[in-house]
Structures are given as C-alpha cells and as structure tokens.
Amino acid sequence: MHPSFDTRWLVALLALSLAACGTVIREARMDVPAELTGVAEESFGKVGWGRSGAFTLGAQQVRYERGADRLSLFETYATGRAPLQVWLSGPSGPREASCTARQSEVTAGVLAVPVRPWTLACQWGRDAQLQISERRLNVATQAREGQYRRGDLTLTLRSVHRLAGSALVQPMPTGYEILHDGRAVGSVDLVRGSPVLRRPDPGTPLGQAVTEAALVLALVWEPQ
C-alpha cells in the first residue's frame, strides 16, 4: 500500500537526517592551519570541569584553580575579572602560572559597548610572560592576538573563528593557533567536549612554551 510505503521512506529519511546532524555535531572542530594537520592531537581536561581540578597531559601533571566575577555600577557600567592559577610538571621542573583576564563595558539599552576590551595577562614563573588582547573586526566579531615570551623565544598567539569545512565566522574563538617565526607550531581547539592540543615535543623549549601558552588559553574563563 502506498501509505505504508511513504511512511517507511519518511522514517528512513528522518533517521538519515538525525544521523547526519549527529555526525556534524560530533565532528565540529576548529579550522586547523595546514602545517598542523599531521601533528598528533592530545585531549585534556573533562567536560563540565569546574573551578579547580587536575589532569594528565601526556606525561605531565596539571592542576588549576580559576574563577570569574563581575561588578556592575548603576546597571550601566560593568567590569569583569577572571583569575587563573596553573601548576605544570615538566622536564625542567615544576612551573606555575598566575593569570588574570579582564573586560569592561558600558550598557546603553540593549547594547553593550566595550570600554576595555578583553585582555589576558600571565606570568609563568619568573622568566615567561603571556599577553593577549581583543580587537573588534566588525559589529559581531572580535579577534584576539598577543605573544608568549620566554628569554629569546617568542610565540605569536591568534584566535581562530572558523570551524573546519565552514566559511562562517564565529563571534567567539573556536580555538587558538600558536606561531613561531611566522609558522604555526601548535594549536588548541575549544569546540569539542574537551580542549584538544597540537604541540611540538614537550621535552623541547619550543614544545614547553607552546604547552604553557595553550594551557592558559584553554583554562581561563571569560570574565562574567
């Protein structure tokens, strides 16, 4: 009968559509620079992690404590602050980072206008610093760019706002790419269930630097 035939096709099409949607969701990921496509991925942390925790990244142990708070004055001016502490074991001994992200804005009706763009500042031990800040590209999108410096080693940090296989620009970062001498050497993907890192050998100075930069970019909360 035609009714049963049509119903079976409808059910089959619905199942295929749901399966396709599920595949898209599972495979959503940051658009990775071509130089990194052959670099192994390392997932760390867990879904729904909270204000403090610990996990293993390769052979390294990581602990963190973080927060986020917001102060509002007369419902027009608001400033947010997000502190972060990270402890990392490594080949040259333990490392500790102290970080703070900040952002301030003025609200006029339904519009929120940044008066102090998002910034993140970190100090890794006594010898390394990370600074990254946000600049507006258009009404809906901001880009973040900065540097990690340790001695003579400098890394460039850039936010990525695209998903692999999509031309759409996302308003918030889908992750970050990390460059050395103009070439991508690492990345951290923030759109999967847990952050995913690509990095050089963590036993090298370059790999250690990429690891330290990626960890704070992945762990810091947005100021609330």
N, C-alpha and C. Protein backbone atom coordinates (compact mmCIF):
# COMPACT_ATOMS: atom_id res chain seq x y z
N MET A 1 0.85 -1.18 0.00
CA MET A 1 0.00 0.00 0.00
C MET A 1 0.90 1.25 0.00
N HIS A 2 0.39 2.27 -0.71
CA HIS A 2 1.16 3.49 -0.79
C HIS A 2 1.37 4.17 0.55
N PRO A 3 0.38 4.23 1.46
CA PRO A 3 0.61 4.89 2.74
C PRO A 3 1.77 4.28 3.51
N SER A 4 1.83 2.91 3.61
CA SER A 4 2.91 2.30 4.36
C SER A 4 4.25 2.52 3.67
N PHE A 5 4.25 2.49 2.34
CA PHE A 5 5.48 2.74 1.59
C PHE A 5 6.01 4.14 1.89
N ASP A 6 5.12 5.14 1.84
CA ASP A 6 5.52 6.52 2.12
C ASP A 6 6.00 6.68 3.56
N THR A 7 5.36 6.02 4.48
CA THR A 7 5.73 6.12 5.89
C THR A 7 7.12 5.57 6.12
N ARG A 8 7.42 4.42 5.49
CA ARG A 8 8.74 3.84 5.66
C ARG A 8 9.82 4.77 5.13
N TRP A 9 9.55 5.38 3.97
CA TRP A 9 10.51 6.31 3.41
C TRP A 9 10.70 7.53 4.31
N LEU A 10 9.59 8.01 4.90
CA LEU A 10 9.66 9.16 5.78
C LEU A 10 10.51 8.84 7.02
N VAL A 11 10.27 7.64 7.59
CA VAL A 11 11.05 7.23 8.75
C VAL A 11 12.52 7.10 8.39
N ALA A 12 12.81 6.50 7.23
CA ALA A 12 14.20 6.33 6.82
C ALA A 12 14.89 7.66 6.60
N LEU A 13 14.18 8.60 5.95
CA LEU A 13 14.76 9.91 5.72
C LEU A 13 15.00 10.66 7.02
N LEU A 14 14.06 10.52 7.96
CA LEU A 14 14.22 11.17 9.25
C LEU A 14 15.43 10.61 9.99
N ALA A 15 15.60 9.28 9.95
CA ALA A 15 16.74 8.65 10.61
C ALA A 15 18.06 9.11 10.00
N LEU A 16 18.08 9.20 8.66
CA LEU A 16 19.29 9.66 7.99
C LEU A 16 19.60 11.11 8.35
N SER A 17 18.56 11.93 8.45
CA SER A 17 18.75 13.34 8.79
C SER A 17 19.31 13.47 10.20
N LEU A 18 18.74 12.69 11.13
CA LEU A 18 19.22 12.75 12.51
C LEU A 18 20.66 12.26 12.61
N ALA A 19 20.96 11.21 11.85
CA ALA A 19 22.33 10.68 11.86
C ALA A 19 23.30 11.71 11.30
N ALA A 20 22.87 12.39 10.23
CA ALA A 20 23.73 13.42 9.63
C ALA A 20 23.96 14.56 10.59
N CYS A 21 22.91 14.98 11.30
CA CYS A 21 23.06 16.05 12.28
C CYS A 21 24.02 15.62 13.39
N GLY A 22 23.89 14.40 13.83
CA GLY A 22 24.76 13.91 14.87
C GLY A 22 26.21 13.89 14.43
N THR A 23 26.44 13.52 13.16
CA THR A 23 27.79 13.49 12.64
C THR A 23 28.40 14.87 12.61
N VAL A 24 27.60 15.88 12.18
CA VAL A 24 28.10 17.25 12.13
C VAL A 24 28.50 17.73 13.51
N ILE A 25 27.66 17.44 14.50
CA ILE A 25 27.94 17.88 15.86
C ILE A 25 29.21 17.21 16.39
N ARG A 26 29.33 15.89 16.19
CA ARG A 26 30.49 15.18 16.71
C ARG A 26 31.78 15.63 16.04
N GLU A 27 31.71 16.01 14.75
CA GLU A 27 32.91 16.34 14.02
C GLU A 27 33.24 17.83 14.02
N ALA A 28 32.42 18.66 14.67
CA ALA A 28 32.71 20.09 14.74
C ALA A 28 34.06 20.30 15.40
N ARG A 29 34.91 21.05 14.74
CA ARG A 29 36.24 21.29 15.27
C ARG A 29 36.80 22.58 14.69
N MET A 30 37.81 23.10 15.35
CA MET A 30 38.47 24.31 14.89
C MET A 30 39.13 24.08 13.54
N ASP A 31 39.15 25.12 12.73
CA ASP A 31 39.87 25.06 11.46
C ASP A 31 41.37 25.14 11.75
N VAL A 32 42.08 24.04 11.51
CA VAL A 32 43.49 23.92 11.88
C VAL A 32 44.39 24.37 10.73
N PRO A 33 45.46 25.14 11.00
CA PRO A 33 46.41 25.51 9.95
C PRO A 33 46.98 24.28 9.26
N ALA A 34 47.29 24.42 7.98
CA ALA A 34 47.77 23.29 7.19
C ALA A 34 49.04 22.67 7.77
N GLU A 35 49.91 23.48 8.38
CA GLU A 35 51.15 22.96 8.93
C GLU A 35 50.93 21.95 10.05
N LEU A 36 49.72 21.96 10.65
CA LEU A 36 49.47 21.13 11.83
C LEU A 36 48.62 19.90 11.55
N THR A 37 48.22 19.69 10.31
CA THR A 37 47.30 18.58 10.03
C THR A 37 47.91 17.22 10.35
N GLY A 38 49.22 17.10 10.29
CA GLY A 38 49.85 15.82 10.60
C GLY A 38 50.33 15.68 12.02
N VAL A 39 50.09 16.70 12.86
CA VAL A 39 50.54 16.67 14.26
C VAL A 39 49.50 15.95 15.12
N ALA A 40 49.94 15.07 15.98
CA ALA A 40 49.03 14.29 16.82
C ALA A 40 48.22 15.19 17.75
N GLU A 41 46.98 14.78 18.01
CA GLU A 41 46.09 15.51 18.91
C GLU A 41 46.17 14.93 20.32
N GLU A 42 46.08 15.81 21.32
CA GLU A 42 46.05 15.40 22.72
C GLU A 42 44.86 16.08 23.39
N SER A 43 43.91 15.30 23.85
CA SER A 43 42.76 15.84 24.56
C SER A 43 43.08 15.90 26.05
N PHE A 44 42.61 16.97 26.71
CA PHE A 44 42.89 17.08 28.14
C PHE A 44 41.70 17.69 28.88
N GLY A 45 41.71 17.53 30.21
CA GLY A 45 40.59 18.01 31.00
C GLY A 45 39.38 17.12 30.81
N LYS A 46 38.21 17.64 31.17
CA LYS A 46 36.99 16.88 31.03
C LYS A 46 35.80 17.82 30.82
N VAL A 47 34.71 17.28 30.32
CA VAL A 47 33.51 18.07 30.08
C VAL A 47 32.96 18.55 31.42
N GLY A 48 32.61 19.82 31.50
CA GLY A 48 31.99 20.36 32.70
C GLY A 48 32.94 20.55 33.86
N TRP A 49 34.25 20.66 33.60
CA TRP A 49 35.19 20.87 34.70
C TRP A 49 34.88 22.17 35.40
N GLY A 50 35.23 22.28 36.67
CA GLY A 50 34.79 23.40 37.47
C GLY A 50 35.90 24.37 37.85
N ARG A 51 35.79 24.93 39.05
CA ARG A 51 36.72 25.97 39.49
C ARG A 51 38.12 25.45 39.79
N SER A 52 38.25 24.18 40.08
CA SER A 52 39.57 23.62 40.35
C SER A 52 39.59 22.17 39.89
N GLY A 53 40.78 21.66 39.62
CA GLY A 53 40.87 20.28 39.18
C GLY A 53 42.30 19.91 38.83
N ALA A 54 42.47 18.68 38.39
CA ALA A 54 43.77 18.17 38.00
C ALA A 54 43.59 17.16 36.88
N PHE A 55 44.57 17.07 36.00
CA PHE A 55 44.52 16.10 34.91
C PHE A 55 45.94 15.84 34.42
N THR A 56 46.07 14.84 33.56
CA THR A 56 47.35 14.48 32.97
C THR A 56 47.37 14.87 31.51
N LEU A 57 48.44 15.50 31.09
CA LEU A 57 48.65 15.87 29.69
C LEU A 57 49.93 15.19 29.23
N GLY A 58 49.76 14.08 28.49
CA GLY A 58 50.92 13.26 28.16
C GLY A 58 51.51 12.71 29.46
N ALA A 59 52.78 13.00 29.70
CA ALA A 59 53.42 12.57 30.94
C ALA A 59 53.45 13.68 31.98
N GLN A 60 52.80 14.80 31.70
CA GLN A 60 52.83 15.96 32.58
C GLN A 60 51.57 16.03 33.45
N GLN A 61 51.76 16.44 34.69
CA GLN A 61 50.65 16.64 35.61
C GLN A 61 50.27 18.12 35.64
N VAL A 62 48.96 18.38 35.60
CA VAL A 62 48.47 19.75 35.59
C VAL A 62 47.42 19.93 36.68
N ARG A 63 47.53 21.02 37.43
CA ARG A 63 46.49 21.43 38.38
C ARG A 63 46.10 22.87 38.08
N TYR A 64 44.88 23.23 38.39
CA TYR A 64 44.44 24.60 38.13
C TYR A 64 43.40 25.02 39.16
N GLU A 65 43.32 26.33 39.36
CA GLU A 65 42.26 26.97 40.13
C GLU A 65 41.87 28.23 39.36
N ARG A 66 40.58 28.48 39.23
CA ARG A 66 40.13 29.62 38.44
C ARG A 66 38.82 30.17 38.97
N GLY A 67 38.47 31.35 38.49
CA GLY A 67 37.22 31.97 38.90
C GLY A 67 36.80 33.02 37.88
N ALA A 68 35.68 33.67 38.15
CA ALA A 68 35.19 34.76 37.31
C ALA A 68 34.18 35.55 38.12
N ASP A 69 34.31 36.88 38.10
CA ASP A 69 33.35 37.71 38.80
C ASP A 69 33.10 38.99 38.00
N ARG A 70 32.02 39.65 38.34
CA ARG A 70 31.60 40.83 37.60
C ARG A 70 31.04 41.87 38.56
N LEU A 71 31.47 43.12 38.40
CA LEU A 71 30.98 44.23 39.22
C LEU A 71 30.22 45.19 38.32
N SER A 72 28.98 45.49 38.70
CA SER A 72 28.14 46.37 37.90
C SER A 72 27.79 47.62 38.71
N LEU A 73 27.91 48.79 38.08
CA LEU A 73 27.61 50.06 38.71
C LEU A 73 26.44 50.73 38.00
N PHE A 74 25.35 50.94 38.73
CA PHE A 74 24.17 51.64 38.22
C PHE A 74 23.60 50.99 36.96
N GLU A 75 23.87 49.71 36.77
CA GLU A 75 23.37 48.93 35.64
C GLU A 75 23.80 49.49 34.29
N THR A 76 24.84 50.32 34.29
CA THR A 76 25.33 50.87 33.02
C THR A 76 26.78 50.52 32.75
N TYR A 77 27.58 50.43 33.83
CA TYR A 77 29.00 50.10 33.67
C TYR A 77 29.28 48.79 34.38
N ALA A 78 29.94 47.89 33.69
CA ALA A 78 30.26 46.59 34.28
C ALA A 78 31.71 46.23 33.97
N THR A 79 32.39 45.69 34.95
CA THR A 79 33.75 45.23 34.76
C THR A 79 33.88 43.80 35.26
N GLY A 80 34.53 42.97 34.47
CA GLY A 80 34.68 41.57 34.81
C GLY A 80 36.14 41.19 34.99
N ARG A 81 36.37 40.21 35.85
CA ARG A 81 37.73 39.76 36.14
C ARG A 81 37.71 38.24 36.29
N ALA A 82 38.69 37.55 35.68
CA ALA A 82 38.75 36.09 35.74
C ALA A 82 40.18 35.66 36.08
N PRO A 83 40.47 35.36 37.36
CA PRO A 83 41.81 34.91 37.75
C PRO A 83 42.02 33.43 37.44
N LEU A 84 43.27 33.04 37.21
CA LEU A 84 43.61 31.65 36.91
C LEU A 84 44.99 31.35 37.46
N GLN A 85 45.12 30.22 38.15
CA GLN A 85 46.41 29.70 38.58
C GLN A 85 46.59 28.31 37.97
N VAL A 86 47.76 28.05 37.43
CA VAL A 86 48.06 26.76 36.81
C VAL A 86 49.40 26.26 37.33
N TRP A 87 49.45 24.96 37.66
CA TRP A 87 50.70 24.30 38.06
C TRP A 87 50.96 23.17 37.07
N LEU A 88 52.17 23.12 36.54
CA LEU A 88 52.53 22.16 35.49
C LEU A 88 53.86 21.51 35.81
N SER A 89 53.90 20.16 35.77
CA SER A 89 55.18 19.46 35.89
C SER A 89 55.84 19.44 34.52
N GLY A 90 57.17 19.40 34.51
CA GLY A 90 57.85 19.43 33.22
C GLY A 90 59.26 18.90 33.33
N PRO A 91 59.94 18.73 32.19
CA PRO A 91 61.29 18.16 32.18
C PRO A 91 62.30 19.03 32.93
N SER A 92 62.05 20.33 33.01
CA SER A 92 62.98 21.23 33.70
C SER A 92 62.48 21.59 35.10
N GLY A 93 61.49 20.83 35.61
CA GLY A 93 60.97 21.10 36.94
C GLY A 93 59.57 21.67 36.89
N PRO A 94 58.93 21.87 38.06
CA PRO A 94 57.56 22.37 38.09
C PRO A 94 57.49 23.83 37.64
N ARG A 95 56.37 24.16 37.02
CA ARG A 95 56.14 25.52 36.55
C ARG A 95 54.79 25.99 37.09
N GLU A 96 54.69 27.30 37.39
CA GLU A 96 53.45 27.86 37.91
C GLU A 96 53.11 29.14 37.15
N ALA A 97 51.83 29.29 36.81
CA ALA A 97 51.36 30.49 36.11
C ALA A 97 50.32 31.20 36.95
N SER A 98 50.40 32.52 36.97
CA SER A 98 49.39 33.37 37.59
C SER A 98 48.82 34.29 36.51
N CYS A 99 47.52 34.20 36.26
CA CYS A 99 46.90 34.90 35.14
C CYS A 99 45.65 35.67 35.59
N THR A 100 45.32 36.71 34.84
CA THR A 100 44.07 37.42 35.04
C THR A 100 43.54 37.89 33.69
N ALA A 101 42.27 37.58 33.41
CA ALA A 101 41.57 38.12 32.24
C ALA A 101 40.65 39.23 32.73
N ARG A 102 40.54 40.30 31.95
CA ARG A 102 39.71 41.45 32.33
C ARG A 102 38.92 41.95 31.13
N GLN A 103 37.78 42.56 31.44
CA GLN A 103 36.96 43.18 30.40
C GLN A 103 35.98 44.14 31.06
N SER A 104 35.76 45.32 30.44
CA SER A 104 34.79 46.29 30.95
C SER A 104 33.92 46.77 29.80
N GLU A 105 32.66 47.09 30.11
CA GLU A 105 31.73 47.55 29.09
C GLU A 105 30.69 48.49 29.67
N VAL A 106 30.14 49.32 28.81
CA VAL A 106 29.05 50.22 29.17
C VAL A 106 27.80 49.76 28.46
N THR A 107 26.68 49.68 29.18
CA THR A 107 25.42 49.22 28.61
C THR A 107 24.51 50.41 28.35
N ALA A 108 24.00 50.48 27.12
CA ALA A 108 23.04 51.52 26.75
C ALA A 108 21.85 50.83 26.10
N GLY A 109 20.76 50.68 26.86
CA GLY A 109 19.61 49.94 26.35
C GLY A 109 19.96 48.48 26.20
N VAL A 110 19.84 47.96 24.96
CA VAL A 110 20.16 46.56 24.71
C VAL A 110 21.58 46.40 24.19
N LEU A 111 22.31 47.50 24.06
CA LEU A 111 23.66 47.44 23.51
C LEU A 111 24.69 47.46 24.63
N ALA A 112 25.73 46.64 24.48
CA ALA A 112 26.86 46.62 25.39
C ALA A 112 28.10 47.03 24.61
N VAL A 113 28.69 48.15 24.99
CA VAL A 113 29.83 48.70 24.27
C VAL A 113 31.10 48.50 25.11
N PRO A 114 32.10 47.77 24.61
CA PRO A 114 33.33 47.56 25.38
C PRO A 114 34.08 48.88 25.56
N VAL A 115 34.46 49.20 26.78
CA VAL A 115 35.32 50.35 27.05
C VAL A 115 36.73 49.87 27.40
N ARG A 116 36.84 48.64 27.80
CA ARG A 116 38.13 47.99 28.00
C ARG A 116 38.03 46.61 27.39
N PRO A 117 38.59 46.39 26.20
CA PRO A 117 38.47 45.09 25.53
C PRO A 117 39.05 43.98 26.39
N TRP A 118 38.64 42.75 26.07
CA TRP A 118 39.14 41.56 26.77
C TRP A 118 40.66 41.51 26.68
N THR A 119 41.30 41.28 27.81
CA THR A 119 42.75 41.09 27.85
C THR A 119 43.07 39.92 28.78
N LEU A 120 44.16 39.25 28.51
CA LEU A 120 44.65 38.19 29.37
C LEU A 120 46.14 38.40 29.58
N ALA A 121 46.56 38.46 30.85
CA ALA A 121 47.96 38.61 31.18
C ALA A 121 48.38 37.47 32.11
N CYS A 122 49.51 36.83 31.82
CA CYS A 122 50.01 35.71 32.61
C CYS A 122 51.50 35.87 32.88
N GLN A 123 51.90 35.37 34.04
CA GLN A 123 53.32 35.28 34.38
C GLN A 123 53.61 33.82 34.69
N TRP A 124 54.47 33.19 33.88
CA TRP A 124 54.90 31.81 34.12
C TRP A 124 56.24 31.87 34.84
N GLY A 125 56.23 31.53 36.13
CA GLY A 125 57.46 31.62 36.90
C GLY A 125 58.00 33.03 36.88
N ARG A 126 59.32 33.15 36.80
CA ARG A 126 59.96 34.47 36.75
C ARG A 126 60.48 34.82 35.37
N ASP A 127 60.35 33.88 34.44
CA ASP A 127 61.05 34.07 33.17
C ASP A 127 60.17 34.09 31.93
N ALA A 128 58.85 33.96 32.08
CA ALA A 128 57.99 33.92 30.90
C ALA A 128 56.71 34.73 31.14
N GLN A 129 56.28 35.43 30.10
CA GLN A 129 55.07 36.24 30.18
C GLN A 129 54.18 35.99 28.97
N LEU A 130 52.90 36.11 29.18
CA LEU A 130 51.92 35.98 28.10
C LEU A 130 50.99 37.18 28.16
N GLN A 131 50.79 37.83 27.02
CA GLN A 131 49.85 38.94 26.90
C GLN A 131 49.05 38.75 25.62
N ILE A 132 47.73 38.81 25.73
CA ILE A 132 46.88 38.72 24.55
C ILE A 132 45.65 39.59 24.79
N SER A 133 45.20 40.27 23.74
CA SER A 133 44.06 41.17 23.88
C SER A 133 43.17 41.09 22.65
N GLU A 134 42.01 41.68 22.78
CA GLU A 134 40.97 41.59 21.76
C GLU A 134 40.83 42.90 21.01
N ARG A 135 40.56 42.80 19.72
CA ARG A 135 40.22 43.97 18.91
C ARG A 135 39.02 43.63 18.06
N ARG A 136 38.18 44.61 17.82
CA ARG A 136 36.94 44.38 17.08
C ARG A 136 37.20 44.42 15.58
N LEU A 137 36.74 43.37 14.89
CA LEU A 137 36.84 43.33 13.43
C LEU A 137 35.61 43.93 12.78
N ASN A 138 34.44 43.66 13.36
CA ASN A 138 33.18 44.22 12.88
C ASN A 138 32.19 44.21 14.03
N VAL A 139 30.93 44.48 13.74
CA VAL A 139 29.93 44.59 14.81
C VAL A 139 29.81 43.30 15.61
N ALA A 140 29.93 42.15 14.94
CA ALA A 140 29.66 40.88 15.60
C ALA A 140 30.89 40.09 15.99
N THR A 141 32.07 40.45 15.49
CA THR A 141 33.24 39.60 15.66
C THR A 141 34.43 40.36 16.21
N GLN A 142 35.11 39.73 17.17
CA GLN A 142 36.37 40.25 17.69
C GLN A 142 37.47 39.25 17.38
N ALA A 143 38.70 39.74 17.28
CA ALA A 143 39.86 38.86 17.11
C ALA A 143 40.81 39.10 18.27
N ARG A 144 41.50 38.04 18.70
CA ARG A 144 42.44 38.13 19.80
C ARG A 144 43.85 37.81 19.30
N GLU A 145 44.79 38.64 19.71
CA GLU A 145 46.17 38.41 19.27
C GLU A 145 47.13 38.87 20.37
N GLY A 146 48.23 38.15 20.52
CA GLY A 146 49.20 38.51 21.53
C GLY A 146 50.46 37.68 21.40
N GLN A 147 51.24 37.63 22.48
CA GLN A 147 52.52 36.93 22.45
C GLN A 147 52.80 36.21 23.77
N TYR A 148 53.58 35.16 23.66
CA TYR A 148 54.20 34.49 24.81
C TYR A 148 55.70 34.68 24.63
N ARG A 149 56.37 35.11 25.71
CA ARG A 149 57.81 35.35 25.62
C ARG A 149 58.53 34.67 26.78
N ARG A 150 59.61 33.98 26.43
CA ARG A 150 60.49 33.37 27.43
C ARG A 150 61.91 33.46 26.90
N GLY A 151 62.69 34.35 27.50
CA GLY A 151 64.04 34.58 27.00
C GLY A 151 64.01 35.08 25.56
N ASP A 152 64.76 34.41 24.70
CA ASP A 152 64.81 34.78 23.29
C ASP A 152 63.68 34.15 22.47
N LEU A 153 62.86 33.32 23.11
CA LEU A 153 61.80 32.62 22.39
C LEU A 153 60.50 33.42 22.46
N THR A 154 59.93 33.72 21.31
CA THR A 154 58.67 34.46 21.24
C THR A 154 57.67 33.68 20.38
N LEU A 155 56.47 33.51 20.90
CA LEU A 155 55.38 32.89 20.16
C LEU A 155 54.30 33.92 19.90
N THR A 156 53.68 33.85 18.74
CA THR A 156 52.53 34.68 18.42
C THR A 156 51.26 33.88 18.64
N LEU A 157 50.29 34.47 19.30
CA LEU A 157 49.02 33.81 19.63
C LEU A 157 47.90 34.50 18.87
N ARG A 158 47.07 33.72 18.18
CA ARG A 158 45.96 34.28 17.41
C ARG A 158 44.71 33.44 17.62
N SER A 159 43.59 34.11 17.83
CA SER A 159 42.32 33.39 17.93
C SER A 159 41.87 32.96 16.55
N VAL A 160 41.17 31.82 16.50
CA VAL A 160 40.58 31.29 15.27
C VAL A 160 39.07 31.35 15.43
N HIS A 161 38.38 31.77 14.39
CA HIS A 161 36.93 31.98 14.47
C HIS A 161 36.16 31.19 13.42
N ARG A 162 36.77 30.14 12.90
CA ARG A 162 36.10 29.30 11.90
C ARG A 162 36.13 27.84 12.34
N LEU A 163 35.12 27.09 11.87
CA LEU A 163 35.09 25.64 12.05
C LEU A 163 35.60 24.98 10.78
N ALA A 164 36.20 23.83 10.91
CA ALA A 164 36.70 23.11 9.75
C ALA A 164 35.57 22.83 8.78
N GLY A 165 35.78 23.17 7.51
CA GLY A 165 34.78 22.91 6.48
C GLY A 165 33.67 23.94 6.40
N SER A 166 33.76 25.03 7.17
CA SER A 166 32.71 26.05 7.17
C SER A 166 33.31 27.41 6.84
N ALA A 167 32.56 28.19 6.08
CA ALA A 167 33.00 29.55 5.75
C ALA A 167 32.46 30.58 6.74
N LEU A 168 31.61 30.14 7.66
CA LEU A 168 31.01 31.06 8.62
C LEU A 168 32.03 31.49 9.67
N VAL A 169 32.02 32.77 10.00
CA VAL A 169 32.89 33.30 11.04
C VAL A 169 32.13 33.30 12.36
N GLN A 170 32.70 32.67 13.38
CA GLN A 170 32.07 32.57 14.69
C GLN A 170 32.41 33.81 15.53
N PRO A 171 31.45 34.33 16.31
CA PRO A 171 31.74 35.51 17.12
C PRO A 171 32.77 35.27 18.21
N MET A 172 32.78 34.08 18.81
CA MET A 172 33.75 33.74 19.84
C MET A 172 34.80 32.79 19.25
N PRO A 173 35.99 32.76 19.83
CA PRO A 173 37.05 31.88 19.29
C PRO A 173 36.64 30.40 19.32
N THR A 174 36.93 29.71 18.22
CA THR A 174 36.80 28.26 18.21
C THR A 174 38.08 27.61 18.72
N GLY A 175 39.11 28.41 18.89
CA GLY A 175 40.39 27.95 19.40
C GLY A 175 41.46 28.99 19.13
N TYR A 176 42.70 28.57 19.26
CA TYR A 176 43.84 29.46 19.04
C TYR A 176 44.92 28.73 18.26
N GLU A 177 45.62 29.47 17.39
CA GLU A 177 46.80 28.95 16.74
C GLU A 177 48.02 29.65 17.34
N ILE A 178 49.12 28.90 17.42
CA ILE A 178 50.34 29.38 18.05
C ILE A 178 51.45 29.32 17.01
N LEU A 179 52.09 30.46 16.76
CA LEU A 179 53.08 30.56 15.69
C LEU A 179 54.44 30.90 16.23
N HIS A 180 55.48 30.38 15.54
CA HIS A 180 56.87 30.70 15.86
C HIS A 180 57.57 31.07 14.55
N ASP A 181 58.13 32.27 14.50
CA ASP A 181 58.76 32.78 13.27
C ASP A 181 57.80 32.72 12.09
N GLY A 182 56.52 33.04 12.34
CA GLY A 182 55.53 33.12 11.28
C GLY A 182 54.93 31.80 10.85
N ARG A 183 55.31 30.70 11.48
CA ARG A 183 54.81 29.37 11.10
C ARG A 183 54.05 28.76 12.26
N ALA A 184 52.89 28.17 11.97
CA ALA A 184 52.08 27.54 13.01
C ALA A 184 52.81 26.32 13.56
N VAL A 185 53.01 26.29 14.89
CA VAL A 185 53.69 25.17 15.53
C VAL A 185 52.81 24.49 16.57
N GLY A 186 51.64 25.08 16.86
CA GLY A 186 50.74 24.49 17.84
C GLY A 186 49.36 25.10 17.75
N SER A 187 48.39 24.44 18.36
CA SER A 187 47.02 24.96 18.39
C SER A 187 46.28 24.34 19.55
N VAL A 188 45.20 24.99 19.95
CA VAL A 188 44.31 24.43 20.96
C VAL A 188 42.88 24.65 20.47
N ASP A 189 42.15 23.54 20.34
CA ASP A 189 40.78 23.51 19.82
C ASP A 189 39.83 23.56 21.01
N LEU A 190 38.88 24.51 21.01
CA LEU A 190 37.98 24.70 22.14
C LEU A 190 36.53 24.34 21.86
N VAL A 191 36.22 23.75 20.72
CA VAL A 191 34.82 23.50 20.37
C VAL A 191 34.41 22.04 20.52
N ARG A 192 35.29 21.19 20.99
CA ARG A 192 34.91 19.80 21.23
C ARG A 192 34.53 19.64 22.70
N GLY A 193 34.26 18.43 23.11
CA GLY A 193 33.87 18.23 24.50
C GLY A 193 34.94 18.65 25.48
N SER A 194 36.21 18.40 25.13
CA SER A 194 37.36 18.82 25.93
C SER A 194 38.36 19.50 25.00
N PRO A 195 39.18 20.42 25.53
CA PRO A 195 40.18 21.06 24.67
C PRO A 195 41.10 20.03 24.02
N VAL A 196 41.53 20.32 22.81
CA VAL A 196 42.42 19.42 22.07
C VAL A 196 43.66 20.20 21.67
N LEU A 197 44.82 19.67 22.05
CA LEU A 197 46.09 20.36 21.83
C LEU A 197 46.89 19.68 20.73
N ARG A 198 47.54 20.48 19.91
CA ARG A 198 48.58 20.01 18.98
C ARG A 198 49.84 20.80 19.33
N ARG A 199 50.96 20.10 19.54
CA ARG A 199 52.17 20.78 20.00
C ARG A 199 53.41 20.03 19.54
N PRO A 200 54.56 20.73 19.55
CA PRO A 200 55.84 20.05 19.32
C PRO A 200 56.18 19.19 20.53
N ASP A 201 57.28 18.48 20.45
CA ASP A 201 57.76 17.64 21.55
C ASP A 201 57.84 18.48 22.83
N PRO A 202 57.06 18.13 23.89
CA PRO A 202 57.07 18.94 25.11
C PRO A 202 58.40 18.89 25.86
N GLY A 203 59.31 18.01 25.45
CA GLY A 203 60.63 17.96 26.06
C GLY A 203 61.58 19.01 25.52
N THR A 204 61.16 19.74 24.47
CA THR A 204 61.98 20.80 23.88
C THR A 204 61.50 22.16 24.41
N PRO A 205 62.37 23.17 24.37
CA PRO A 205 61.94 24.51 24.80
C PRO A 205 60.73 25.02 24.02
N LEU A 206 60.68 24.76 22.71
CA LEU A 206 59.54 25.20 21.91
C LEU A 206 58.27 24.47 22.34
N GLY A 207 58.36 23.16 22.55
CA GLY A 207 57.19 22.40 22.98
C GLY A 207 56.70 22.82 24.35
N GLN A 208 57.62 23.13 25.25
CA GLN A 208 57.22 23.59 26.58
C GLN A 208 56.51 24.93 26.50
N ALA A 209 57.03 25.83 25.67
CA ALA A 209 56.42 27.15 25.52
C ALA A 209 55.01 27.04 24.94
N VAL A 210 54.85 26.22 23.90
CA VAL A 210 53.53 26.02 23.30
C VAL A 210 52.56 25.44 24.32
N THR A 211 53.03 24.49 25.12
CA THR A 211 52.19 23.87 26.14
C THR A 211 51.71 24.90 27.15
N GLU A 212 52.62 25.73 27.64
CA GLU A 212 52.26 26.74 28.64
C GLU A 212 51.27 27.75 28.09
N ALA A 213 51.48 28.20 26.86
CA ALA A 213 50.55 29.16 26.26
C ALA A 213 49.18 28.54 26.04
N ALA A 214 49.15 27.32 25.51
CA ALA A 214 47.87 26.67 25.20
C ALA A 214 47.06 26.38 26.46
N LEU A 215 47.73 25.97 27.53
CA LEU A 215 47.01 25.63 28.75
C LEU A 215 46.22 26.82 29.30
N VAL A 216 46.86 27.98 29.39
CA VAL A 216 46.13 29.12 29.97
C VAL A 216 45.03 29.62 29.03
N LEU A 217 45.25 29.54 27.72
CA LEU A 217 44.20 29.94 26.79
C LEU A 217 42.99 29.03 26.88
N ALA A 218 43.22 27.75 27.16
CA ALA A 218 42.12 26.80 27.27
C ALA A 218 41.42 26.86 28.63
N LEU A 219 42.18 27.16 29.68
CA LEU A 219 41.63 27.05 31.04
C LEU A 219 40.96 28.33 31.53
N VAL A 220 41.39 29.48 31.06
CA VAL A 220 40.85 30.73 31.60
C VAL A 220 39.36 30.87 31.25
N TRP A 221 38.58 31.33 32.21
CA TRP A 221 37.16 31.62 31.98
C TRP A 221 37.00 33.01 31.40
N GLU A 222 35.92 33.21 30.67
CA GLU A 222 35.58 34.56 30.23
C GLU A 222 35.12 35.37 31.45
N PRO A 223 35.54 36.63 31.60
CA PRO A 223 35.04 37.45 32.72
C PRO A 223 33.52 37.54 32.67
N GLN A 224 32.85 37.31 33.79
CA GLN A 224 31.39 37.31 33.83
C GLN A 224 30.85 38.61 34.43
